PDB file of all heavy atoms in Angstrom:
ATOM      1  N   ARG A   1       0.819  -1.207   0.000  1.00  0.00           N
ATOM      2  CA  ARG A   1       0.000   0.000   0.000  1.00  0.00           C
ATOM      3  C   ARG A   1       0.855   1.260   0.000  1.00  0.00           C
ATOM      4  O   ARG A   1       2.008   1.253   0.413  1.00  0.00           O
ATOM      5  CB  ARG A   1      -0.885   0.053   1.258  1.00  0.00           C
ATOM      6  CG  ARG A   1      -1.723  -1.159   1.548  1.00  0.00           C
ATOM      7  CD  ARG A   1      -2.609  -0.871   2.764  1.00  0.00           C
ATOM      8  NE  ARG A   1      -3.224  -2.079   3.280  1.00  0.00           N
ATOM      9  CZ  ARG A   1      -3.060  -2.557   4.506  1.00  0.00           C
ATOM     10  NH1 ARG A   1      -2.283  -1.909   5.364  1.00  0.00           N
ATOM     11  NH2 ARG A   1      -3.668  -3.654   4.882  1.00  0.00           N
ATOM     12  N   GLY A   2       0.238   2.339  -0.430  1.00  0.00           N
ATOM     13  CA  GLY A   2       0.838   3.655  -0.257  1.00  0.00           C
ATOM     14  C   GLY A   2       2.227   3.775  -0.850  1.00  0.00           C
ATOM     15  O   GLY A   2       2.463   3.494  -2.030  1.00  0.00           O
ATOM     16  N   THR A   3       3.168   4.198  -0.023  1.00  0.00           N
ATOM     17  CA  THR A   3       4.534   4.428  -0.472  1.00  0.00           C
ATOM     18  C   THR A   3       5.160   3.150  -1.016  1.00  0.00           C
ATOM     19  O   THR A   3       5.945   3.201  -1.974  1.00  0.00           O
ATOM     20  CB  THR A   3       5.377   4.980   0.689  1.00  0.00           C
ATOM     21  OG1 THR A   3       4.740   6.155   1.225  1.00  0.00           O
ATOM     22  CG2 THR A   3       6.770   5.341   0.231  1.00  0.00           C
ATOM     23  N   ALA A   4       4.832   2.005  -0.441  1.00  0.00           N
ATOM     24  CA  ALA A   4       5.399   0.739  -0.918  1.00  0.00           C
ATOM     25  C   ALA A   4       4.950   0.436  -2.342  1.00  0.00           C
ATOM     26  O   ALA A   4       5.704  -0.150  -3.127  1.00  0.00           O
ATOM     27  CB  ALA A   4       5.002  -0.401   0.012  1.00  0.00           C
ATOM     28  N   ARG A   5       3.735   0.815  -2.696  1.00  0.00           N
ATOM     29  CA  ARG A   5       3.277   0.624  -4.066  1.00  0.00           C
ATOM     30  C   ARG A   5       4.130   1.451  -5.021  1.00  0.00           C
ATOM     31  O   ARG A   5       4.436   1.018  -6.143  1.00  0.00           O
ATOM     32  CB  ARG A   5       1.806   1.001  -4.192  1.00  0.00           C
ATOM     33  CG  ARG A   5       1.215   0.697  -5.567  1.00  0.00           C
ATOM     34  CD  ARG A   5      -0.184   1.263  -5.708  1.00  0.00           C
ATOM     35  NE  ARG A   5      -0.755   0.979  -7.015  1.00  0.00           N
ATOM     36  CZ  ARG A   5      -0.484   1.656  -8.128  1.00  0.00           C
ATOM     37  NH1 ARG A   5       0.370   2.671  -8.073  1.00  0.00           N
ATOM     38  NH2 ARG A   5      -1.060   1.330  -9.270  1.00  0.00           N
ATOM     39  N   ASP A   6       4.527   2.654  -4.599  1.00  0.00           N
ATOM     40  CA  ASP A   6       5.407   3.479  -5.427  1.00  0.00           C
ATOM     41  C   ASP A   6       6.749   2.793  -5.649  1.00  0.00           C
ATOM     42  O   ASP A   6       7.327   2.868  -6.739  1.00  0.00           O
ATOM     43  CB  ASP A   6       5.619   4.839  -4.767  1.00  0.00           C
ATOM     44  CG  ASP A   6       4.333   5.649  -4.657  1.00  0.00           C
ATOM     45  OD1 ASP A   6       3.394   5.371  -5.431  1.00  0.00           O
ATOM     46  OD2 ASP A   6       4.270   6.546  -3.790  1.00  0.00           O
ATOM     47  N   VAL A   7       7.256   2.117  -4.606  1.00  0.00           N
ATOM     48  CA  VAL A   7       8.507   1.367  -4.750  1.00  0.00           C
ATOM     49  C   VAL A   7       8.336   0.246  -5.776  1.00  0.00           C
ATOM     50  O   VAL A   7       9.174   0.052  -6.667  1.00  0.00           O
ATOM     51  CB  VAL A   7       8.965   0.787  -3.396  1.00  0.00           C
ATOM     52  CG1 VAL A   7      10.186  -0.114  -3.582  1.00  0.00           C
ATOM     53  CG2 VAL A   7       9.289   1.898  -2.416  1.00  0.00           C
ATOM     54  N   ALA A   8       7.236  -0.517  -5.643  1.00  0.00           N
ATOM     55  CA  ALA A   8       6.980  -1.609  -6.582  1.00  0.00           C
ATOM     56  C   ALA A   8       6.891  -1.098  -8.014  1.00  0.00           C
ATOM     57  O   ALA A   8       7.369  -1.741  -8.959  1.00  0.00           O
ATOM     58  CB  ALA A   8       5.697  -2.342  -6.190  1.00  0.00           C
ATOM     59  N   GLU A   9       6.287   0.082  -8.181  1.00  0.00           N
ATOM     60  CA  GLU A   9       6.186   0.664  -9.520  1.00  0.00           C
ATOM     61  C   GLU A   9       7.557   1.005 -10.072  1.00  0.00           C
ATOM     62  O   GLU A   9       7.859   0.750 -11.248  1.00  0.00           O
ATOM     63  CB  GLU A   9       5.302   1.905  -9.475  1.00  0.00           C
ATOM     64  CG  GLU A   9       5.050   2.532 -10.832  1.00  0.00           C
ATOM     65  CD  GLU A   9       4.049   3.665 -10.777  1.00  0.00           C
ATOM     66  OE1 GLU A   9       3.830   4.221  -9.677  1.00  0.00           O
ATOM     67  OE2 GLU A   9       3.478   3.989 -11.841  1.00  0.00           O
ATOM     68  N   ARG A  10       8.430   1.584  -9.246  1.00  0.00           N
ATOM     69  CA  ARG A  10       9.773   1.931  -9.697  1.00  0.00           C
ATOM     70  C   ARG A  10      10.610   0.687  -9.993  1.00  0.00           C
ATOM     71  O   ARG A  10      11.570   0.749 -10.763  1.00  0.00           O
ATOM     72  CB  ARG A  10      10.462   2.807  -8.645  1.00  0.00           C
ATOM     73  CG  ARG A  10       9.786   4.156  -8.463  1.00  0.00           C
ATOM     74  CD  ARG A  10      10.557   5.100  -7.564  1.00  0.00           C
ATOM     75  NE  ARG A  10       9.770   6.295  -7.267  1.00  0.00           N
ATOM     76  CZ  ARG A  10      10.243   7.363  -6.648  1.00  0.00           C
ATOM     77  NH1 ARG A  10      11.510   7.407  -6.245  1.00  0.00           N
ATOM     78  NH2 ARG A  10       9.460   8.411  -6.423  1.00  0.00           N
ATOM     79  N   MET A  11      10.246  -0.438  -9.408  1.00  0.00           N
ATOM     80  CA  MET A  11      10.941  -1.697  -9.689  1.00  0.00           C
ATOM     81  C   MET A  11      10.407  -2.380 -10.947  1.00  0.00           C
ATOM     82  O   MET A  11      10.952  -3.400 -11.377  1.00  0.00           O
ATOM     83  CB  MET A  11      10.810  -2.650  -8.489  1.00  0.00           C
ATOM     84  CG  MET A  11      11.419  -2.132  -7.214  1.00  0.00           C
ATOM     85  SD  MET A  11      11.140  -3.223  -5.794  1.00  0.00           S
ATOM     86  CE  MET A  11      12.514  -4.347  -5.958  1.00  0.00           C
ATOM     87  N   GLY A  12       9.324  -1.859 -11.501  1.00  0.00           N
ATOM     88  CA  GLY A  12       8.729  -2.462 -12.680  1.00  0.00           C
ATOM     89  C   GLY A  12       7.894  -3.682 -12.391  1.00  0.00           C
ATOM     90  O   GLY A  12       7.616  -4.489 -13.294  1.00  0.00           O
ATOM     91  N   LEU A  13       7.430  -3.824 -11.141  1.00  0.00           N
ATOM     92  CA  LEU A  13       6.718  -5.038 -10.731  1.00  0.00           C
ATOM     93  C   LEU A  13       5.203  -4.932 -10.826  1.00  0.00           C
ATOM     94  O   LEU A  13       4.505  -5.939 -10.679  1.00  0.00           O
ATOM     95  CB  LEU A  13       7.088  -5.387  -9.282  1.00  0.00           C
ATOM     96  CG  LEU A  13       8.482  -5.949  -9.040  1.00  0.00           C
ATOM     97  CD1 LEU A  13       8.708  -6.148  -7.543  1.00  0.00           C
ATOM     98  CD2 LEU A  13       8.678  -7.262  -9.780  1.00  0.00           C
ATOM     99  N   LEU A  14       4.664  -3.735 -11.048  1.00  0.00           N
ATOM    100  CA  LEU A  14       3.213  -3.584 -10.957  1.00  0.00           C
ATOM    101  C   LEU A  14       2.434  -4.486 -11.914  1.00  0.00           C
ATOM    102  O   LEU A  14       1.431  -5.086 -11.502  1.00  0.00           O
ATOM    103  CB  LEU A  14       2.821  -2.119 -11.167  1.00  0.00           C
ATOM    104  CG  LEU A  14       3.045  -1.181  -9.989  1.00  0.00           C
ATOM    105  CD1 LEU A  14       2.399   0.171 -10.262  1.00  0.00           C
ATOM    106  CD2 LEU A  14       2.504  -1.754  -8.694  1.00  0.00           C
ATOM    107  N   PRO A  15       2.819  -4.638 -13.179  1.00  0.00           N
ATOM    108  CA  PRO A  15       2.041  -5.525 -14.052  1.00  0.00           C
ATOM    109  C   PRO A  15       1.946  -6.953 -13.525  1.00  0.00           C
ATOM    110  O   PRO A  15       0.867  -7.557 -13.534  1.00  0.00           O
ATOM    111  CB  PRO A  15       2.792  -5.456 -15.386  1.00  0.00           C
ATOM    112  CG  PRO A  15       3.468  -4.120 -15.364  1.00  0.00           C
ATOM    113  CD  PRO A  15       3.879  -3.923 -13.940  1.00  0.00           C
ATOM    114  N   ARG A  16       3.051  -7.500 -13.054  1.00  0.00           N
ATOM    115  CA  ARG A  16       3.028  -8.875 -12.541  1.00  0.00           C
ATOM    116  C   ARG A  16       2.256  -8.961 -11.233  1.00  0.00           C
ATOM    117  O   ARG A  16       1.480  -9.899 -11.019  1.00  0.00           O
ATOM    118  CB  ARG A  16       4.455  -9.384 -12.345  1.00  0.00           C
ATOM    119  CG  ARG A  16       4.522 -10.847 -11.893  1.00  0.00           C
ATOM    120  CD  ARG A  16       5.938 -11.350 -11.887  1.00  0.00           C
ATOM    121  NE  ARG A  16       6.007 -12.694 -11.315  1.00  0.00           N
ATOM    122  CZ  ARG A  16       7.149 -13.362 -11.103  1.00  0.00           C
ATOM    123  NH1 ARG A  16       8.309 -12.802 -11.453  1.00  0.00           N
ATOM    124  NH2 ARG A  16       7.133 -14.566 -10.555  1.00  0.00           N
ATOM    125  N   LEU A  17       2.422  -7.977 -10.364  1.00  0.00           N
ATOM    126  CA  LEU A  17       1.711  -7.999  -9.088  1.00  0.00           C
ATOM    127  C   LEU A  17       0.207  -7.848  -9.294  1.00  0.00           C
ATOM    128  O   LEU A  17      -0.582  -8.431  -8.551  1.00  0.00           O
ATOM    129  CB  LEU A  17       2.240  -6.901  -8.170  1.00  0.00           C
ATOM    130  CG  LEU A  17       3.674  -7.096  -7.653  1.00  0.00           C
ATOM    131  CD1 LEU A  17       4.118  -5.885  -6.848  1.00  0.00           C
ATOM    132  CD2 LEU A  17       3.792  -8.365  -6.825  1.00  0.00           C
ATOM    133  N   ARG A  18      -0.188  -7.082 -10.284  1.00  0.00           N
ATOM    134  CA  ARG A  18      -1.631  -6.974 -10.575  1.00  0.00           C
ATOM    135  C   ARG A  18      -2.195  -8.334 -10.980  1.00  0.00           C
ATOM    136  O   ARG A  18      -3.327  -8.676 -10.624  1.00  0.00           O
ATOM    137  CB  ARG A  18      -1.868  -5.940 -11.669  1.00  0.00           C
ATOM    138  CG  ARG A  18      -1.673  -4.490 -11.226  1.00  0.00           C
ATOM    139  CD  ARG A  18      -2.243  -3.534 -12.262  1.00  0.00           C
ATOM    140  NE  ARG A  18      -1.932  -2.147 -11.934  1.00  0.00           N
ATOM    141  CZ  ARG A  18      -0.982  -1.433 -12.540  1.00  0.00           C
ATOM    142  NH1 ARG A  18      -0.246  -1.981 -13.498  1.00  0.00           N
ATOM    143  NH2 ARG A  18      -0.770  -0.175 -12.185  1.00  0.00           N
ATOM    144  N   ARG A  19      -1.424  -9.109 -11.756  1.00  0.00           N
ATOM    145  CA  ARG A  19      -1.896 -10.434 -12.156  1.00  0.00           C
ATOM    146  C   ARG A  19      -1.989 -11.372 -10.962  1.00  0.00           C
ATOM    147  O   ARG A  19      -2.795 -12.302 -10.953  1.00  0.00           O
ATOM    148  CB  ARG A  19      -0.962 -11.025 -13.218  1.00  0.00           C
ATOM    149  CG  ARG A  19      -0.993 -10.298 -14.550  1.00  0.00           C
ATOM    150  CD  ARG A  19      -0.323 -11.106 -15.641  1.00  0.00           C
ATOM    151  NE  ARG A  19       1.086 -11.334 -15.380  1.00  0.00           N
ATOM    152  CZ  ARG A  19       2.063 -10.512 -15.771  1.00  0.00           C
ATOM    153  NH1 ARG A  19       1.773  -9.377 -16.424  1.00  0.00           N
ATOM    154  NH2 ARG A  19       3.329 -10.786 -15.514  1.00  0.00           N
ATOM    155  N   LEU A  20      -1.163 -11.137  -9.943  1.00  0.00           N
ATOM    156  CA  LEU A  20      -1.136 -11.998  -8.769  1.00  0.00           C
ATOM    157  C   LEU A  20      -2.074 -11.513  -7.664  1.00  0.00           C
ATOM    158  O   LEU A  20      -2.216 -12.191  -6.639  1.00  0.00           O
ATOM    159  CB  LEU A  20       0.297 -12.075  -8.220  1.00  0.00           C
ATOM    160  CG  LEU A  20       1.323 -12.759  -9.129  1.00  0.00           C
ATOM    161  CD1 LEU A  20       2.736 -12.497  -8.611  1.00  0.00           C
ATOM    162  CD2 LEU A  20       1.054 -14.256  -9.224  1.00  0.00           C
ATOM    163  N   HIS A  21      -2.689 -10.369  -7.859  1.00  0.00           N
ATOM    164  CA  HIS A  21      -3.574  -9.761  -6.860  1.00  0.00           C
ATOM    165  C   HIS A  21      -4.694 -10.731  -6.478  1.00  0.00           C
ATOM    166  O   HIS A  21      -5.397 -11.257  -7.351  1.00  0.00           O
ATOM    167  CB  HIS A  21      -4.163  -8.480  -7.445  1.00  0.00           C
ATOM    168  CG  HIS A  21      -5.070  -7.731  -6.539  1.00  0.00           C
ATOM    169  ND1 HIS A  21      -4.710  -7.334  -5.272  1.00  0.00           N
ATOM    170  CD2 HIS A  21      -6.344  -7.281  -6.718  1.00  0.00           C
ATOM    171  CE1 HIS A  21      -5.710  -6.662  -4.721  1.00  0.00           C
ATOM    172  NE2 HIS A  21      -6.713  -6.630  -5.576  1.00  0.00           N
ATOM    173  N   VAL A  22      -4.860 -10.997  -5.174  1.00  0.00           N
ATOM    174  CA  VAL A  22      -5.860 -11.978  -4.735  1.00  0.00           C
ATOM    175  C   VAL A  22      -7.212 -11.338  -4.421  1.00  0.00           C
ATOM    176  O   VAL A  22      -8.223 -12.035  -4.335  1.00  0.00           O
ATOM    177  CB  VAL A  22      -5.363 -12.783  -3.519  1.00  0.00           C
ATOM    178  CG1 VAL A  22      -4.113 -13.548  -3.866  1.00  0.00           C
ATOM    179  CG2 VAL A  22      -5.131 -11.887  -2.309  1.00  0.00           C
ATOM    180  N   ASP A  23      -7.258 -10.041  -4.217  1.00  0.00           N
ATOM    181  CA  ASP A  23      -8.511  -9.299  -4.159  1.00  0.00           C
ATOM    182  C   ASP A  23      -9.497  -9.836  -3.129  1.00  0.00           C
ATOM    183  O   ASP A  23     -10.589 -10.307  -3.459  1.00  0.00           O
ATOM    184  CB  ASP A  23      -9.174  -9.284  -5.538  1.00  0.00           C
ATOM    185  CG  ASP A  23     -10.343  -8.300  -5.604  1.00  0.00           C
ATOM    186  OD1 ASP A  23     -10.379  -7.380  -4.768  1.00  0.00           O
ATOM    187  OD2 ASP A  23     -11.221  -8.473  -6.476  1.00  0.00           O
ATOM    188  N   THR A  24      -9.100  -9.790  -1.851  1.00  0.00           N
ATOM    189  CA  THR A  24     -10.052 -10.127  -0.791  1.00  0.00           C
ATOM    190  C   THR A  24     -11.178  -9.093  -0.795  1.00  0.00           C
ATOM    191  O   THR A  24     -10.930  -7.895  -0.693  1.00  0.00           O
ATOM    192  CB  THR A  24      -9.360 -10.137   0.583  1.00  0.00           C
ATOM    193  OG1 THR A  24      -8.343 -11.140   0.577  1.00  0.00           O
ATOM    194  CG2 THR A  24     -10.362 -10.437   1.685  1.00  0.00           C
ATOM    195  N   ARG A  25     -12.401  -9.566  -0.923  1.00  0.00           N
ATOM    196  CA  ARG A  25     -13.531  -8.664  -1.148  1.00  0.00           C
ATOM    197  C   ARG A  25     -14.401  -8.444   0.091  1.00  0.00           C
ATOM    198  O   ARG A  25     -15.203  -7.521   0.120  1.00  0.00           O
ATOM    199  CB  ARG A  25     -14.397  -9.209  -2.283  1.00  0.00           C
ATOM    200  CG  ARG A  25     -13.629  -9.302  -3.600  1.00  0.00           C
ATOM    201  CD  ARG A  25     -14.419 -10.024  -4.669  1.00  0.00           C
ATOM    202  NE  ARG A  25     -13.626 -10.145  -5.894  1.00  0.00           N
ATOM    203  CZ  ARG A  25     -14.014 -10.826  -6.966  1.00  0.00           C
ATOM    204  NH1 ARG A  25     -15.185 -11.451  -6.956  1.00  0.00           N
ATOM    205  NH2 ARG A  25     -13.235 -10.897  -8.027  1.00  0.00           N
ATOM    206  N   ARG A  26     -14.242  -9.303   1.086  1.00  0.00           N
ATOM    207  CA  ARG A  26     -15.153  -9.184   2.223  1.00  0.00           C
ATOM    208  C   ARG A  26     -14.522  -9.808   3.467  1.00  0.00           C
ATOM    209  O   ARG A  26     -13.921 -10.872   3.398  1.00  0.00           O
ATOM    210  CB  ARG A  26     -16.470  -9.893   1.909  1.00  0.00           C
ATOM    211  CG  ARG A  26     -17.541  -9.811   2.991  1.00  0.00           C
ATOM    212  CD  ARG A  26     -18.776 -10.585   2.547  1.00  0.00           C
ATOM    213  NE  ARG A  26     -19.841 -10.603   3.543  1.00  0.00           N
ATOM    214  CZ  ARG A  26     -20.790  -9.675   3.638  1.00  0.00           C
ATOM    215  NH1 ARG A  26     -20.804  -8.660   2.796  1.00  0.00           N
ATOM    216  NH2 ARG A  26     -21.733  -9.754   4.574  1.00  0.00           N
ATOM    217  N   ILE A  27     -14.662  -9.120   4.576  1.00  0.00           N
ATOM    218  CA  ILE A  27     -14.330  -9.672   5.889  1.00  0.00           C
ATOM    219  C   ILE A  27     -15.612  -9.684   6.710  1.00  0.00           C
ATOM    220  O   ILE A  27     -16.239  -8.639   6.913  1.00  0.00           O
ATOM    221  CB  ILE A  27     -13.254  -8.844   6.622  1.00  0.00           C
ATOM    222  CG1 ILE A  27     -11.990  -8.737   5.777  1.00  0.00           C
ATOM    223  CG2 ILE A  27     -12.957  -9.460   7.987  1.00  0.00           C
ATOM    224  CD1 ILE A  27     -11.267 -10.045   5.557  1.00  0.00           C
ATOM    225  N   THR A  28     -16.015 -10.867   7.165  1.00  0.00           N
ATOM    226  CA  THR A  28     -17.228 -11.007   7.967  1.00  0.00           C
ATOM    227  C   THR A  28     -16.836 -11.140   9.431  1.00  0.00           C
ATOM    228  O   THR A  28     -16.007 -11.984   9.788  1.00  0.00           O
ATOM    229  CB  THR A  28     -18.026 -12.244   7.524  1.00  0.00           C
ATOM    230  OG1 THR A  28     -18.411 -12.083   6.151  1.00  0.00           O
ATOM    231  CG2 THR A  28     -19.286 -12.401   8.378  1.00  0.00           C
ATOM    232  N   PHE A  29     -17.425 -10.311  10.274  1.00  0.00           N
ATOM    233  CA  PHE A  29     -17.156 -10.318  11.706  1.00  0.00           C
ATOM    234  C   PHE A  29     -18.264 -11.094  12.417  1.00  0.00           C
ATOM    235  O   PHE A  29     -19.458 -10.871  12.154  1.00  0.00           O
ATOM    236  CB  PHE A  29     -17.095  -8.892  12.257  1.00  0.00           C
ATOM    237  CG  PHE A  29     -15.919  -8.103  11.768  1.00  0.00           C
ATOM    238  CD1 PHE A  29     -15.949  -7.481  10.529  1.00  0.00           C
ATOM    239  CD2 PHE A  29     -14.777  -7.980  12.546  1.00  0.00           C
ATOM    240  CE1 PHE A  29     -14.862  -6.749  10.069  1.00  0.00           C
ATOM    241  CE2 PHE A  29     -13.682  -7.249  12.098  1.00  0.00           C
ATOM    242  CZ  PHE A  29     -13.726  -6.633  10.851  1.00  0.00           C
TER     243      PHE A  29
END
């Protein structure tokens, strides 16, 4: 998140990380 995402972008990793994104959509309490 946040600043770390900027680091990942500068490393050129965003396209691959987007493909690996697991996208948790809901937390039930």
